[in-house]
Amino acid sequence: MKKQNKRIFASVLFVLVGSLCFSQGLPPPSPPPAPGFPIDGGIFCSIAMALIYGAKSIISRKK
C-alpha cells in the first residue's frame, strides 16, 4: 500500500470510529431508592461489631 493510501485509510477509519462513539445514546437514569431504606443504616452496627470482635481477639491473644 502506498503511503498516501495508508493516510486516507487511517483518516476514514478515525472518522468512522468517532461517529460510532457519538452515536450511542445515554443510558436511562436509575430509579430513586425506595423511601424508608437508609443507605448507611448498618454502618454504625458494622463498626461496633468490628470493634467488639477486635477487642475480643486482642484479649484472647494475651491469655
N, C-alpha and C. Protein backbone atom coordinates (compact mmCIF):
# COMPACT_ATOMS: atom_id res chain seq x y z
N MET A 1 0.84 -1.17 0.00
CA MET A 1 0.00 0.00 0.00
C MET A 1 0.88 1.23 0.00
N LYS A 2 0.49 2.20 -0.76
CA LYS A 2 1.28 3.42 -0.81
C LYS A 2 1.03 4.25 0.45
N LYS A 3 1.96 5.16 0.70
CA LYS A 3 1.87 5.99 1.90
C LYS A 3 0.61 6.86 1.88
N GLN A 4 0.25 7.36 0.72
CA GLN A 4 -0.94 8.20 0.60
C GLN A 4 -2.21 7.39 0.90
N ASN A 5 -2.26 6.16 0.40
CA ASN A 5 -3.42 5.32 0.65
C ASN A 5 -3.56 4.97 2.14
N LYS A 6 -2.44 4.78 2.82
CA LYS A 6 -2.48 4.50 4.25
C LYS A 6 -3.03 5.68 5.03
N ARG A 7 -2.65 6.87 4.63
CA ARG A 7 -3.15 8.07 5.31
C ARG A 7 -4.64 8.23 5.11
N ILE A 8 -5.12 8.01 3.91
CA ILE A 8 -6.55 8.12 3.63
C ILE A 8 -7.31 7.06 4.40
N PHE A 9 -6.81 5.84 4.40
CA PHE A 9 -7.46 4.76 5.13
C PHE A 9 -7.53 5.08 6.62
N ALA A 10 -6.44 5.58 7.20
CA ALA A 10 -6.41 5.91 8.62
C ALA A 10 -7.38 7.05 8.92
N SER A 11 -7.46 8.05 8.05
CA SER A 11 -8.37 9.18 8.26
C SER A 11 -9.82 8.71 8.24
N VAL A 12 -10.17 7.89 7.26
CA VAL A 12 -11.54 7.39 7.16
C VAL A 12 -11.87 6.53 8.37
N LEU A 13 -10.93 5.72 8.79
CA LEU A 13 -11.15 4.86 9.95
C LEU A 13 -11.41 5.68 11.21
N PHE A 14 -10.62 6.72 11.45
CA PHE A 14 -10.81 7.57 12.62
C PHE A 14 -12.15 8.29 12.58
N VAL A 15 -12.57 8.75 11.41
CA VAL A 15 -13.86 9.43 11.29
C VAL A 15 -14.99 8.47 11.60
N LEU A 16 -14.92 7.25 11.09
CA LEU A 16 -15.98 6.28 11.33
C LEU A 16 -16.05 5.87 12.80
N VAL A 17 -14.91 5.65 13.41
CA VAL A 17 -14.89 5.26 14.81
C VAL A 17 -15.41 6.41 15.68
N GLY A 18 -15.04 7.62 15.35
CA GLY A 18 -15.52 8.78 16.11
C GLY A 18 -17.02 8.95 16.01
N SER A 19 -17.57 8.73 14.83
CA SER A 19 -19.02 8.88 14.67
C SER A 19 -19.76 7.76 15.40
N LEU A 20 -19.17 6.57 15.48
CA LEU A 20 -19.82 5.49 16.23
C LEU A 20 -19.84 5.79 17.73
N CYS A 21 -18.80 6.42 18.22
CA CYS A 21 -18.76 6.73 19.64
C CYS A 21 -19.82 7.76 20.02
N PHE A 22 -20.05 8.73 19.17
CA PHE A 22 -21.03 9.77 19.48
C PHE A 22 -22.45 9.35 19.17
N SER A 23 -22.64 8.28 18.41
CA SER A 23 -23.99 7.89 18.03
C SER A 23 -24.70 7.10 19.12
N GLN A 24 -23.99 6.67 20.14
CA GLN A 24 -24.63 5.91 21.22
C GLN A 24 -25.33 6.86 22.16
N GLY A 25 -26.54 6.50 22.57
CA GLY A 25 -27.32 7.33 23.47
C GLY A 25 -26.95 7.10 24.92
N LEU A 26 -27.45 7.97 25.78
CA LEU A 26 -27.21 7.84 27.21
C LEU A 26 -28.11 6.76 27.78
N PRO A 27 -27.64 6.03 28.78
CA PRO A 27 -28.49 5.01 29.40
C PRO A 27 -29.61 5.69 30.20
N PRO A 28 -30.72 5.01 30.40
CA PRO A 28 -31.80 5.62 31.18
C PRO A 28 -31.38 5.82 32.63
N PRO A 29 -31.89 6.85 33.28
CA PRO A 29 -31.50 7.09 34.67
C PRO A 29 -32.00 5.98 35.58
N SER A 30 -31.28 5.73 36.65
CA SER A 30 -31.68 4.69 37.59
C SER A 30 -32.84 5.20 38.44
N PRO A 31 -33.72 4.32 38.88
CA PRO A 31 -34.86 4.76 39.69
C PRO A 31 -34.39 5.23 41.06
N PRO A 32 -35.11 6.14 41.67
CA PRO A 32 -34.72 6.62 43.01
C PRO A 32 -34.90 5.49 44.03
N PRO A 33 -34.14 5.53 45.12
CA PRO A 33 -34.27 4.48 46.13
C PRO A 33 -35.64 4.54 46.80
N ALA A 34 -36.08 3.40 47.27
CA ALA A 34 -37.38 3.34 47.93
C ALA A 34 -37.31 4.09 49.26
N PRO A 35 -38.37 4.79 49.63
CA PRO A 35 -38.34 5.52 50.91
C PRO A 35 -38.36 4.54 52.09
N GLY A 36 -37.69 4.91 53.14
CA GLY A 36 -37.66 4.08 54.33
C GLY A 36 -36.50 3.12 54.40
N PHE A 37 -35.65 3.08 53.38
CA PHE A 37 -34.49 2.22 53.38
C PHE A 37 -33.23 3.07 53.39
N PRO A 38 -32.69 3.38 54.58
CA PRO A 38 -31.49 4.21 54.62
C PRO A 38 -30.28 3.45 54.08
N ILE A 39 -29.43 4.15 53.39
CA ILE A 39 -28.25 3.52 52.80
C ILE A 39 -27.22 3.21 53.88
N ASP A 40 -27.04 4.12 54.82
CA ASP A 40 -25.98 3.95 55.80
C ASP A 40 -26.49 3.44 57.14
N GLY A 41 -27.61 2.78 57.19
CA GLY A 41 -28.17 2.31 58.45
C GLY A 41 -27.33 1.26 59.14
N GLY A 42 -26.68 0.39 58.41
CA GLY A 42 -25.92 -0.69 59.02
C GLY A 42 -24.46 -0.37 59.25
N ILE A 43 -24.03 0.81 58.87
CA ILE A 43 -22.61 1.18 59.00
C ILE A 43 -22.20 1.21 60.48
N PHE A 44 -22.99 1.88 61.31
CA PHE A 44 -22.62 2.00 62.72
C PHE A 44 -22.65 0.65 63.42
N CYS A 45 -23.60 -0.18 63.08
CA CYS A 45 -23.66 -1.53 63.66
C CYS A 45 -22.44 -2.35 63.22
N SER A 46 -22.05 -2.24 61.97
CA SER A 46 -20.89 -2.97 61.46
C SER A 46 -19.60 -2.52 62.14
N ILE A 47 -19.46 -1.23 62.35
CA ILE A 47 -18.27 -0.70 63.02
C ILE A 47 -18.23 -1.18 64.47
N ALA A 48 -19.38 -1.16 65.14
CA ALA A 48 -19.43 -1.63 66.52
C ALA A 48 -19.08 -3.10 66.61
N MET A 49 -19.61 -3.91 65.70
CA MET A 49 -19.30 -5.34 65.70
C MET A 49 -17.81 -5.58 65.44
N ALA A 50 -17.21 -4.80 64.53
CA ALA A 50 -15.79 -4.95 64.23
C ALA A 50 -14.94 -4.58 65.45
N LEU A 51 -15.33 -3.52 66.17
CA LEU A 51 -14.58 -3.13 67.37
C LEU A 51 -14.69 -4.20 68.46
N ILE A 52 -15.87 -4.76 68.63
CA ILE A 52 -16.05 -5.80 69.63
C ILE A 52 -15.23 -7.04 69.27
N TYR A 53 -15.28 -7.43 68.01
CA TYR A 53 -14.52 -8.60 67.56
C TYR A 53 -13.01 -8.35 67.72
N GLY A 54 -12.55 -7.16 67.38
CA GLY A 54 -11.12 -6.84 67.52
C GLY A 54 -10.68 -6.86 68.98
N ALA A 55 -11.51 -6.30 69.85
CA ALA A 55 -11.17 -6.31 71.27
C ALA A 55 -11.14 -7.74 71.81
N LYS A 56 -12.10 -8.55 71.40
CA LYS A 56 -12.12 -9.95 71.84
C LYS A 56 -10.89 -10.70 71.35
N SER A 57 -10.47 -10.44 70.12
CA SER A 57 -9.28 -11.10 69.56
C SER A 57 -8.02 -10.71 70.31
N ILE A 58 -7.91 -9.44 70.65
CA ILE A 58 -6.71 -8.97 71.37
C ILE A 58 -6.67 -9.56 72.77
N ILE A 59 -7.83 -9.60 73.43
CA ILE A 59 -7.86 -10.15 74.79
C ILE A 59 -7.55 -11.64 74.77
N SER A 60 -8.07 -12.38 73.78
CA SER A 60 -7.82 -13.82 73.74
C SER A 60 -6.37 -14.13 73.39
N ARG A 61 -5.69 -13.27 72.68
CA ARG A 61 -4.26 -13.49 72.35
C ARG A 61 -3.37 -13.30 73.58
N LYS A 62 -3.79 -12.43 74.49
CA LYS A 62 -3.00 -12.16 75.69
C LYS A 62 -3.03 -13.33 76.66
N LYS A 63 -4.09 -14.13 76.60
CA LYS A 63 -4.23 -15.24 77.56
C LYS A 63 -3.34 -16.39 77.23
